[in-house]
PDB file of N, CA and C in Angstrom:
ATOM      1  N   MET A   1     -25.869  38.944  15.151  1.00  0.00           N
ATOM      2  CA  MET A   1     -25.651  37.668  14.715  1.00  0.00           C
ATOM      3  C   MET A   1     -26.009  36.859  16.285  1.00  0.00           C
ATOM      4  N   HIS A   2     -26.157  35.556  16.163  1.00  0.00           N
ATOM      5  CA  HIS A   2     -26.664  34.870  16.884  1.00  0.00           C
ATOM      6  C   HIS A   2     -25.393  34.366  17.984  1.00  0.00           C
ATOM      7  N   PRO A   3     -25.356  34.395  19.428  1.00  0.00           N
ATOM      8  CA  PRO A   3     -24.760  34.446  20.417  1.00  0.00           C
ATOM      9  C   PRO A   3     -23.588  32.949  19.629  1.00  0.00           C
ATOM     10  N   VAL A   4     -24.368  32.080  19.207  1.00  0.00           N
ATOM     11  CA  VAL A   4     -23.529  30.791  19.162  1.00  0.00           C
ATOM     12  C   VAL A   4     -22.410  30.793  17.957  1.00  0.00           C
ATOM     13  N   THR A   5     -23.616  31.210  16.782  1.00  0.00           N
ATOM     14  CA  THR A   5     -22.891  31.298  15.680  1.00  0.00           C
ATOM     15  C   THR A   5     -21.473  32.474  15.606  1.00  0.00           C
ATOM     16  N   HIS A   6     -21.742  33.079  16.584  1.00  0.00           N
ATOM     17  CA  HIS A   6     -20.365  34.402  17.138  1.00  0.00           C
ATOM     18  C   HIS A   6     -19.240  33.414  17.903  1.00  0.00           C
ATOM     19  N   LEU A   7     -19.603  32.566  18.347  1.00  0.00           N
ATOM     20  CA  LEU A   7     -18.579  31.627  19.252  1.00  0.00           C
ATOM     21  C   LEU A   7     -18.008  30.426  18.595  1.00  0.00           C
ATOM     22  N   LEU A   8     -19.001  30.264  17.391  1.00  0.00           N
ATOM     23  CA  LEU A   8     -18.031  29.197  16.238  1.00  0.00           C
ATOM     24  C   LEU A   8     -17.217  29.657  15.776  1.00  0.00           C
ATOM     25  N   ILE A   9     -17.646  31.127  14.845  1.00  0.00           N
ATOM     26  CA  ILE A   9     -16.721  31.594  14.273  1.00  0.00           C
ATOM     27  C   ILE A   9     -15.396  31.856  14.967  1.00  0.00           C
ATOM     28  N   THR A  10     -15.709  32.620  16.483  1.00  0.00           N
ATOM     29  CA  THR A  10     -14.278  33.044  16.993  1.00  0.00           C
ATOM     30  C   THR A  10     -13.578  31.702  17.136  1.00  0.00           C
ATOM     31  N   LEU A  11     -13.874  30.672  17.328  1.00  0.00           N
ATOM     32  CA  LEU A  11     -13.023  29.240  17.496  1.00  0.00           C
ATOM     33  C   LEU A  11     -12.681  28.815  16.593  1.00  0.00           C
ATOM     34  N   LEU A  12     -13.240  28.907  15.109  1.00  0.00           N
ATOM     35  CA  LEU A  12     -12.916  29.169  14.087  1.00  0.00           C
ATOM     36  C   LEU A  12     -11.735  29.740  13.815  1.00  0.00           C
ATOM     37  N   HIS A  13     -11.328  30.796  14.188  1.00  0.00           N
ATOM     38  CA  HIS A  13     -10.229  31.809  14.219  1.00  0.00           C
ATOM     39  C   HIS A  13      -9.424  31.414  15.152  1.00  0.00           C
ATOM     40  N   ILE A  14      -9.515  30.618  16.099  1.00  0.00           N
ATOM     41  CA  ILE A  14      -8.844  30.213  17.592  1.00  0.00           C
ATOM     42  C   ILE A  14      -8.068  28.848  17.239  1.00  0.00           C
ATOM     43  N   ILE A  15      -8.574  27.965  16.520  1.00  0.00           N
ATOM     44  CA  ILE A  15      -8.256  27.083  16.899  1.00  0.00           C
ATOM     45  C   ILE A  15      -7.534  26.451  15.040  1.00  0.00           C
ATOM     46  N   TYR A  16      -6.940  26.288  15.070  1.00  0.00           N
ATOM     47  CA  TYR A  16      -5.778  26.033  13.529  1.00  0.00           C
ATOM     48  C   TYR A  16      -4.766  24.859  13.656  1.00  0.00           C
ATOM     49  N   PHE A  17      -5.617  23.587  12.798  1.00  0.00           N
ATOM     50  CA  PHE A  17      -4.577  22.930  12.363  1.00  0.00           C
ATOM     51  C   PHE A  17      -4.041  22.967  11.180  1.00  0.00           C
ATOM     52  N   LYS A  18      -2.621  22.685  11.398  1.00  0.00           N
ATOM     53  CA  LYS A  18      -1.810  22.755  10.260  1.00  0.00           C
ATOM     54  C   LYS A  18      -1.846  21.647   9.531  1.00  0.00           C
ATOM     55  N   LEU A  19      -2.141  21.747   8.208  1.00  0.00           N
ATOM     56  CA  LEU A  19      -2.299  20.050   7.355  1.00  0.00           C
ATOM     57  C   LEU A  19      -0.997  19.162   7.192  1.00  0.00           C
ATOM     58  N   MET A  20      -1.182  18.100   7.712  1.00  0.00           N
ATOM     59  CA  MET A  20      -0.301  17.156   8.087  1.00  0.00           C
ATOM     60  C   MET A  20       0.104  16.736   6.470  1.00  0.00           C
ATOM     61  N   THR A  21       1.682  16.664   6.143  1.00  0.00           N
ATOM     62  CA  THR A  21       2.038  15.995   4.724  1.00  0.00           C
ATOM     63  C   THR A  21       2.299  14.852   4.856  1.00  0.00           C
ATOM     64  N   HIS A  22       2.878  14.235   3.896  1.00  0.00           N
ATOM     65  CA  HIS A  22       3.329  13.125   3.923  1.00  0.00           C
ATOM     66  C   HIS A  22       4.749  12.776   4.592  1.00  0.00           C
ATOM     67  N   TYR A  23       5.361  14.193   4.556  1.00  0.00           N
ATOM     68  CA  TYR A  23       7.149  14.142   5.266  1.00  0.00           C
ATOM     69  C   TYR A  23       6.378  13.815   6.831  1.00  0.00           C
ATOM     70  N   HIS A  24       5.696  14.681   6.944  1.00  0.00           N
ATOM     71  CA  HIS A  24       5.198  14.370   8.488  1.00  0.00           C
ATOM     72  C   HIS A  24       5.112  13.544   9.071  1.00  0.00           C
ATOM     73  N   CYS A  25       4.479  12.467   8.170  1.00  0.00           N
ATOM     74  CA  CYS A  25       3.823  10.960   8.786  1.00  0.00           C
ATOM     75  C   CYS A  25       5.232   9.912   8.760  1.00  0.00           C
ATOM     76  N   ILE A  26       6.025  10.177   7.601  1.00  0.00           N
ATOM     77  CA  ILE A  26       7.807   9.654   7.726  1.00  0.00           C
ATOM     78  C   ILE A  26       8.526   9.807   8.675  1.00  0.00           C
ATOM     79  N   GLU A  27       8.312  11.227   8.911  1.00  0.00           N
ATOM     80  CA  GLU A  27       9.101  11.253  10.290  1.00  0.00           C
ATOM     81  C   GLU A  27       8.453  11.026  11.450  1.00  0.00           C
ATOM     82  N   ILE A  28       7.492  10.562  11.675  1.00  0.00           N
ATOM     83  CA  ILE A  28       6.709  10.040  12.859  1.00  0.00           C
ATOM     84  C   ILE A  28       7.290   8.933  12.536  1.00  0.00           C
ATOM     85  N   MET A  29       7.025   7.780  11.731  1.00  0.00           N
ATOM     86  CA  MET A  29       7.158   6.700  11.688  1.00  0.00           C
ATOM     87  C   MET A  29       8.664   5.914  11.702  1.00  0.00           C
ATOM     88  N   ASP A  30       9.503   7.010  11.457  1.00  0.00           N
ATOM     89  CA  ASP A  30      10.989   6.771  11.466  1.00  0.00           C
ATOM     90  C   ASP A  30      10.795   6.586  13.508  1.00  0.00           C
ATOM     91  N   ILE A  31      10.419   7.372  14.289  1.00  0.00           N
ATOM     92  CA  ILE A  31      10.956   7.701  15.499  1.00  0.00           C
ATOM     93  C   ILE A  31      10.374   6.788  16.206  1.00  0.00           C
ATOM     94  N   ILE A  32       9.355   5.810  15.644  1.00  0.00           N
ATOM     95  CA  ILE A  32       8.006   4.861  16.463  1.00  0.00           C
ATOM     96  C   ILE A  32       9.280   3.498  16.992  1.00  0.00           C
ATOM     97  N   LYS A  33       9.639   3.255  18.228  1.00  0.00           N
ATOM     98  CA  LYS A  33      10.670   2.133  18.804  1.00  0.00           C
ATOM     99  C   LYS A  33       9.685   0.788  18.516  1.00  0.00           C
ATOM    100  N   GLU A  34      10.522  -0.096  18.326  1.00  0.00           N
ATOM    101  CA  GLU A  34      10.369  -1.278  18.405  1.00  0.00           C
ATOM    102  C   GLU A  34       9.824  -1.743  19.486  1.00  0.00           C
ATOM    103  N   LEU A  35       8.496  -2.177  19.435  1.00  0.00           N
ATOM    104  CA  LEU A  35       8.260  -2.837  20.897  1.00  0.00           C
ATOM    105  C   LEU A  35       8.853  -4.362  21.347  1.00  0.00           C
ATOM    106  N   LYS A  36       8.610  -4.615  22.556  1.00  0.00           N
ATOM    107  CA  LYS A  36       9.138  -5.694  22.697  1.00  0.00           C
ATOM    108  C   LYS A  36       8.263  -6.651  22.735  1.00  0.00           C
ATOM    109  N   SER A  37       7.424  -6.636  22.849  1.00  0.00           N
ATOM    110  CA  SER A  37       5.899  -7.607  22.595  1.00  0.00           C
ATOM    111  C   SER A  37       4.979  -6.643  22.170  1.00  0.00           C
ATOM    112  N   GLY A  38       3.819  -7.791  21.099  1.00  0.00           N
ATOM    113  CA  GLY A  38       2.688  -7.062  20.924  1.00  0.00           C
ATOM    114  C   GLY A  38       2.075  -8.075  20.456  1.00  0.00           C
ATOM    115  N   LYS A  39       0.834  -8.079  19.938  1.00  0.00           N
ATOM    116  CA  LYS A  39      -0.651  -8.830  19.577  1.00  0.00           C
ATOM    117  C   LYS A  39       0.589  -9.100  18.231  1.00  0.00           C
ATOM    118  N   SER A  40      -0.494 -10.343  18.089  1.00  0.00           N
ATOM    119  CA  SER A  40       0.150 -11.351  17.099  1.00  0.00           C
ATOM    120  C   SER A  40      -0.772 -10.406  15.687  1.00  0.00           C
ATOM    121  N   SER A  41      -2.000  -9.563  15.820  1.00  0.00           N
ATOM    122  CA  SER A  41      -2.653  -8.970  14.743  1.00  0.00           C
ATOM    123  C   SER A  41      -2.090  -7.596  14.638  1.00  0.00           C
ATOM    124  N   ASP A  42      -1.115  -6.915  15.476  1.00  0.00           N
ATOM    125  CA  ASP A  42      -0.219  -6.238  15.077  1.00  0.00           C
ATOM    126  C   ASP A  42       0.429  -5.834  13.650  1.00  0.00           C
ATOM    127  N   ILE A  43       0.676  -4.891  13.127  1.00  0.00           N
ATOM    128  CA  ILE A  43       1.687  -4.798  11.861  1.00  0.00           C
ATOM    129  C   ILE A  43       2.683  -4.564  12.369  1.00  0.00           C
ATOM    130  N   PRO A  44       3.855  -5.466  12.172  1.00  0.00           N
ATOM    131  CA  PRO A  44       5.068  -5.577  12.704  1.00  0.00           C
ATOM    132  C   PRO A  44       5.493  -3.756  12.035  1.00  0.00           C
ATOM    133  N   ILE A  45       6.660  -3.148  13.344  1.00  0.00           N
ATOM    134  CA  ILE A  45       6.841  -1.516  13.125  1.00  0.00           C
ATOM    135  C   ILE A  45       7.832  -1.747  12.124  1.00  0.00           C
ATOM    136  N   ASN A  46       8.711  -2.935  12.006  1.00  0.00           N
ATOM    137  CA  ASN A  46       9.423  -2.736  10.653  1.00  0.00           C
ATOM    138  C   ASN A  46       9.029  -2.614   9.448  1.00  0.00           C
ATOM    139  N   VAL A  47       7.920  -3.231   9.005  1.00  0.00           N
ATOM    140  CA  VAL A  47       7.099  -3.091   7.720  1.00  0.00           C
ATOM    141  C   VAL A  47       6.755  -2.032   8.005  1.00  0.00           C
ATOM    142  N   ILE A  48       6.053  -1.525   8.793  1.00  0.00           N
ATOM    143  CA  ILE A  48       5.567   0.067   8.497  1.00  0.00           C
ATOM    144  C   ILE A  48       6.453   0.937   8.458  1.00  0.00           C
ATOM    145  N   LYS A  49       7.576   0.909   8.868  1.00  0.00           N
ATOM    146  CA  LYS A  49       8.640   2.002   8.634  1.00  0.00           C
ATOM    147  C   LYS A  49       9.434   1.664   7.597  1.00  0.00           C
ATOM    148  N   LYS A  50       9.662   0.206   6.721  1.00  0.00           N
ATOM    149  CA  LYS A  50      10.129   0.025   5.313  1.00  0.00           C
ATOM    150  C   LYS A  50       9.004   0.694   4.417  1.00  0.00           C
ATOM    151  N   SER A  51       7.685   0.565   4.683  1.00  0.00           N
ATOM    152  CA  SER A  51       6.547   1.272   3.518  1.00  0.00           C
ATOM    153  C   SER A  51       6.096   2.696   3.771  1.00  0.00           C
ATOM    154  N   SER A  52       6.911   3.284   4.835  1.00  0.00           N
ATOM    155  CA  SER A  52       6.368   4.433   5.006  1.00  0.00           C
ATOM    156  C   SER A  52       6.369   5.548   3.800  1.00  0.00           C
ATOM    157  N   THR A  53       7.151   5.314   2.827  1.00  0.00           N
ATOM    158  CA  THR A  53       7.019   6.390   1.859  1.00  0.00           C
ATOM    159  C   THR A  53       5.733   5.859   0.688  1.00  0.00           C
ATOM    160  N   ILE A  54       5.449   4.857   0.939  1.00  0.00           N
ATOM    161  CA  ILE A  54       4.098   4.448   0.100  1.00  0.00           C
ATOM    162  C   ILE A  54       2.993   4.543   1.267  1.00  0.00           C
ATOM    163  N   ILE A  55       2.774   4.447   2.214  1.00  0.00           N
ATOM    164  CA  ILE A  55       1.561   4.418   3.024  1.00  0.00           C
ATOM    165  C   ILE A  55       1.352   5.911   3.366  1.00  0.00           C
ATOM    166  N   SER A  56       2.859   6.851   3.833  1.00  0.00           N
ATOM    167  CA  SER A  56       2.428   8.519   4.274  1.00  0.00           C
ATOM    168  C   SER A  56       1.356   8.824   3.424  1.00  0.00           C
ATOM    169  N   PRO A  57       1.114   9.208   2.430  1.00  0.00           N
ATOM    170  CA  PRO A  57       0.545   9.965   1.813  1.00  0.00           C
ATOM    171  C   PRO A  57      -1.068   9.415   1.840  1.00  0.00           C
ATOM    172  N   TYR A  58      -1.124   8.284   2.044  1.00  0.00           N
ATOM    173  CA  TYR A  58      -2.487   7.996   2.159  1.00  0.00           C
ATOM    174  C   TYR A  58      -3.142   7.973   3.597  1.00  0.00           C
ATOM    175  N   LEU A  59      -2.044   8.282   4.978  1.00  0.00           N
ATOM    176  CA  LEU A  59      -2.299   8.508   6.167  1.00  0.00           C
ATOM    177  C   LEU A  59      -2.343   9.921   6.454  1.00  0.00           C
ATOM    178  N   ALA A  60      -1.694  10.817   5.698  1.00  0.00           N
ATOM    179  CA  ALA A  60      -1.813  12.056   5.638  1.00  0.00           C
ATOM    180  C   ALA A  60      -2.923  12.344   5.494  1.00  0.00           C
ATOM    181  N   ASN A  61      -3.382  12.110   4.381  1.00  0.00           N
ATOM    182  CA  ASN A  61      -5.195  12.334   3.562  1.00  0.00           C
ATOM    183  C   ASN A  61      -6.026  11.735   4.685  1.00  0.00           C
ATOM    184  N   LEU A  62      -5.832  10.843   5.604  1.00  0.00           N
ATOM    185  CA  LEU A  62      -6.626  10.315   6.290  1.00  0.00           C
ATOM    186  C   LEU A  62      -7.102  11.367   7.552  1.00  0.00           C
ATOM    187  N   PHE A  63      -5.779  11.489   8.092  1.00  0.00           N
ATOM    188  CA  PHE A  63      -5.766  12.804   9.269  1.00  0.00           C
ATOM    189  C   PHE A  63      -6.302  13.837   8.992  1.00  0.00           C
ATOM    190  N   ASN A  64      -6.003  14.936   7.722  1.00  0.00           N
ATOM    191  CA  ASN A  64      -6.099  15.470   7.566  1.00  0.00           C
ATOM    192  C   ASN A  64      -8.500  15.691   7.077  1.00  0.00           C
ATOM    193  N   ASN A  65      -8.362  14.735   6.469  1.00  0.00           N
ATOM    194  CA  ASN A  65      -9.771  14.425   6.766  1.00  0.00           C
ATOM    195  C   ASN A  65     -10.435  14.213   7.848  1.00  0.00           C
ATOM    196  N   CYS A  66      -9.981  13.577   8.907  1.00  0.00           N
ATOM    197  CA  CYS A  66     -10.651  13.302  10.035  1.00  0.00           C
ATOM    198  C   CYS A  66     -10.585  14.921  10.886  1.00  0.00           C
ATOM    199  N   MET A  67      -9.501  15.367  10.708  1.00  0.00           N
ATOM    200  CA  MET A  67      -9.506  17.116  11.224  1.00  0.00           C
ATOM    201  C   MET A  67     -10.683  17.836  11.051  1.00  0.00           C
ATOM    202  N   LYS A  68     -10.658  18.200   9.106  1.00  0.00           N
ATOM    203  CA  LYS A  68     -11.435  19.148   8.393  1.00  0.00           C
ATOM    204  C   LYS A  68     -13.022  18.691   9.011  1.00  0.00           C
ATOM    205  N   ASP A  69     -13.420  17.599   8.914  1.00  0.00           N
ATOM    206  CA  ASP A  69     -14.838  16.819   9.110  1.00  0.00           C
ATOM    207  C   ASP A  69     -15.134  16.926  10.636  1.00  0.00           C
ATOM    208  N   GLY A  70     -13.927  16.740  11.458  1.00  0.00           N
ATOM    209  CA  GLY A  70     -14.190  16.753  12.792  1.00  0.00           C
ATOM    210  C   GLY A  70     -14.913  15.380  13.043  1.00  0.00           C
ATOM    211  N   LEU A  71     -14.070  14.016  12.401  1.00  0.00           N
ATOM    212  CA  LEU A  71     -14.786  12.919  12.738  1.00  0.00           C
ATOM    213  C   LEU A  71     -13.608  12.337  12.841  1.00  0.00           C
ATOM    214  N   PHE A  72     -13.657  11.150  13.838  1.00  0.00           N
ATOM    215  CA  PHE A  72     -12.642  10.342  14.173  1.00  0.00           C
ATOM    216  C   PHE A  72     -13.096   8.810  14.182  1.00  0.00           C
ATOM    217  N   PRO A  73     -12.629   7.865  13.207  1.00  0.00           N
ATOM    218  CA  PRO A  73     -13.217   6.895  13.297  1.00  0.00           C
ATOM    219  C   PRO A  73     -12.801   5.715  14.785  1.00  0.00           C
ATOM    220  N   ASP A  74     -13.936   4.957  15.064  1.00  0.00           N
ATOM    221  CA  ASP A  74     -14.227   4.446  16.595  1.00  0.00           C
ATOM    222  C   ASP A  74     -13.027   3.593  16.759  1.00  0.00           C
ATOM    223  N   GLU A  75     -12.360   3.183  15.397  1.00  0.00           N
ATOM    224  CA  GLU A  75     -11.239   1.905  15.217  1.00  0.00           C
ATOM    225  C   GLU A  75     -10.092   2.650  15.770  1.00  0.00           C
ATOM    226  N   LEU A  76      -9.797   4.020  15.457  1.00  0.00           N
ATOM    227  CA  LEU A  76      -8.388   4.506  15.892  1.00  0.00           C
ATOM    228  C   LEU A  76      -8.414   5.167  17.103  1.00  0.00           C
ATOM    229  N   LYS A  77      -9.499   5.097  17.782  1.00  0.00           N
ATOM    230  CA  LYS A  77      -9.544   5.648  19.180  1.00  0.00           C
ATOM    231  C   LYS A  77      -9.405   4.571  20.204  1.00  0.00           C
ATOM    232  N   LEU A  78      -9.061   3.916  20.327  1.00  0.00           N
ATOM    233  CA  LEU A  78      -8.909   2.227  20.948  1.00  0.00           C
ATOM    234  C   LEU A  78      -7.177   2.586  21.332  1.00  0.00           C
ATOM    235  N   GLY A  79      -7.042   2.544  22.687  1.00  0.00           N
ATOM    236  CA  GLY A  79      -5.614   2.226  23.044  1.00  0.00           C
ATOM    237  C   GLY A  79      -5.191   0.860  23.771  1.00  0.00           C
ATOM    238  N   LYS A  80      -3.820   1.008  23.908  1.00  0.00           N
ATOM    239  CA  LYS A  80      -3.695  -0.732  24.542  1.00  0.00           C
ATOM    240  C   LYS A  80      -2.772  -0.208  25.807  1.00  0.00           C
ATOM    241  N   VAL A  81      -3.580   0.021  27.020  1.00  0.00           N
ATOM    242  CA  VAL A  81      -2.899   0.156  28.111  1.00  0.00           C
ATOM    243  C   VAL A  81      -2.320  -0.831  29.128  1.00  0.00           C
ATOM    244  N   THR A  82      -0.848  -0.593  29.274  1.00  0.00           N
ATOM    245  CA  THR A  82      -0.405  -1.759  29.854  1.00  0.00           C
ATOM    246  C   THR A  82       0.165  -1.327  31.301  1.00  0.00           C
ATOM    247  N   PRO A  83      -0.246  -2.040  32.335  1.00  0.00           N
ATOM    248  CA  PRO A  83       0.896  -1.694  33.605  1.00  0.00           C
ATOM    249  C   PRO A  83       1.894  -2.031  33.888  1.00  0.00           C
ATOM    250  N   ILE A  84       2.393  -1.220  34.356  1.00  0.00           N
ATOM    251  CA  ILE A  84       3.873  -1.116  34.565  1.00  0.00           C
ATOM    252  C   ILE A  84       4.275  -0.893  35.896  1.00  0.00           C
ATOM    253  N   TYR A  85       4.628  -2.658  36.395  1.00  0.00           N
ATOM    254  CA  TYR A  85       5.121  -2.779  37.887  1.00  0.00           C
ATOM    255  C   TYR A  85       6.206  -2.592  38.491  1.00  0.00           C
ATOM    256  N   LYS A  86       6.527  -2.306  39.461  1.00  0.00           N
ATOM    257  CA  LYS A  86       7.671  -1.875  40.385  1.00  0.00           C
ATOM    258  C   LYS A  86       8.605  -3.469  40.472  1.00  0.00           C
ATOM    259  N   LYS A  87       9.481  -3.036  40.552  1.00  0.00           N
ATOM    260  CA  LYS A  87      10.341  -4.433  40.788  1.00  0.00           C
ATOM    261  C   LYS A  87      10.151  -5.274  41.945  1.00  0.00           C
ATOM    262  N   GLU A  88      10.175  -4.435  42.769  1.00  0.00           N
ATOM    263  CA  GLU A  88       9.813  -5.458  44.427  1.00  0.00           C
ATOM    264  C   GLU A  88       8.209  -5.945  44.562  1.00  0.00           C
ATOM    265  N   LYS A  89       8.343  -7.299  44.941  1.00  0.00           N
ATOM    266  CA  LYS A  89       6.938  -7.580  45.018  1.00  0.00           C
ATOM    267  C   LYS A  89       5.731  -7.049  45.886  1.00  0.00           C
ATOM    268  N   SER A  90       4.547  -7.145  45.729  1.00  0.00           N
ATOM    269  CA  SER A  90       3.939  -6.460  46.694  1.00  0.00           C
ATOM    270  C   SER A  90       2.696  -7.097  46.743  1.00  0.00           C
ATOM    271  N   THR A  91       1.779  -7.092  47.745  1.00  0.00           N
ATOM    272  CA  THR A  91       0.456  -7.484  47.855  1.00  0.00           C
ATOM    273  C   THR A  91      -0.359  -6.518  47.703  1.00  0.00           C
ATOM    274  N   ASP A  92      -0.320  -5.320  47.760  1.00  0.00           N
ATOM    275  CA  ASP A  92      -0.826  -4.295  47.823  1.00  0.00           C
ATOM    276  C   ASP A  92      -0.839  -3.964  46.541  1.00  0.00           C
ATOM    277  N   CYS A  93      -1.838  -4.097  45.697  1.00  0.00           N
ATOM    278  CA  CYS A  93      -2.200  -3.492  44.116  1.00  0.00           C
ATOM    279  C   CYS A  93      -1.907  -2.470  44.135  1.00  0.00           C
ATOM    280  N   ASP A  94      -2.518  -1.497  44.879  1.00  0.00           N
ATOM    281  CA  ASP A  94      -2.115   0.403  44.242  1.00  0.00           C
ATOM    282  C   ASP A  94      -0.607   0.269  44.772  1.00  0.00           C
ATOM    283  N   SER A  95       0.174  -0.110  45.433  1.00  0.00           N
ATOM    284  CA  SER A  95       1.699   0.436  46.037  1.00  0.00           C
ATOM    285  C   SER A  95       2.069  -0.620  44.489  1.00  0.00           C
ATOM    286  N   ALA A  96       1.748  -1.574  43.943  1.00  0.00           N
ATOM    287  CA  ALA A  96       2.479  -2.346  43.058  1.00  0.00           C
ATOM    288  C   ALA A  96       2.706  -1.828  41.854  1.00  0.00           C
ATOM    289  N   LEU A  97       2.093  -0.577  41.779  1.00  0.00           N
ATOM    290  CA  LEU A  97       2.185   0.181  39.857  1.00  0.00           C
ATOM    291  C   LEU A  97       2.545   1.568  40.070  1.00  0.00           C
ATOM    292  N   ILE A  98       3.438   1.747  39.057  1.00  0.00           N
ATOM    293  CA  ILE A  98       3.999   3.124  38.869  1.00  0.00           C
ATOM    294  C   ILE A  98       3.349   3.905  38.749  1.00  0.00           C
ATOM    295  N   PRO A  99       3.201   5.332  39.012  1.00  0.00           N
ATOM    296  CA  PRO A  99       2.009   6.376  38.032  1.00  0.00           C
ATOM    297  C   PRO A  99       2.502   7.233  37.220  1.00  0.00           C
ATOM    298  N   LEU A 100       1.437   6.767  36.494  1.00  0.00           N
ATOM    299  CA  LEU A 100       2.017   7.875  34.756  1.00  0.00           C
ATOM    300  C   LEU A 100       1.203   8.955  35.071  1.00  0.00           C
ATOM    301  N   LEU A 101       2.053   9.942  34.885  1.00  0.00           N
ATOM    302  CA  LEU A 101       1.788  11.878  35.237  1.00  0.00           C
ATOM    303  C   LEU A 101       1.472  12.128  33.544  1.00  0.00           C
TER     304      LEU A 101
END
């Protein structure tokens, strides 16, 4: 057996993702906190929570397919990062931010 094939087979036995159910999606949507502010293009959290039983099977299927195929849509790889400033004013940019670990 080729070494790469052996490695891939070994990794397939080590890395295992449990399939997500729509119940998992509902639980995750239930714990999402209301954001203090958001872009106008964002879907309001209360709409997501109220429609969780309807959209959860589709989201679970999408997630499971992404994991199964090893593909993840570029649109879902984007994240919004907002710096968190300390309370006191500072002229030094590096010291004015709280480090996130």
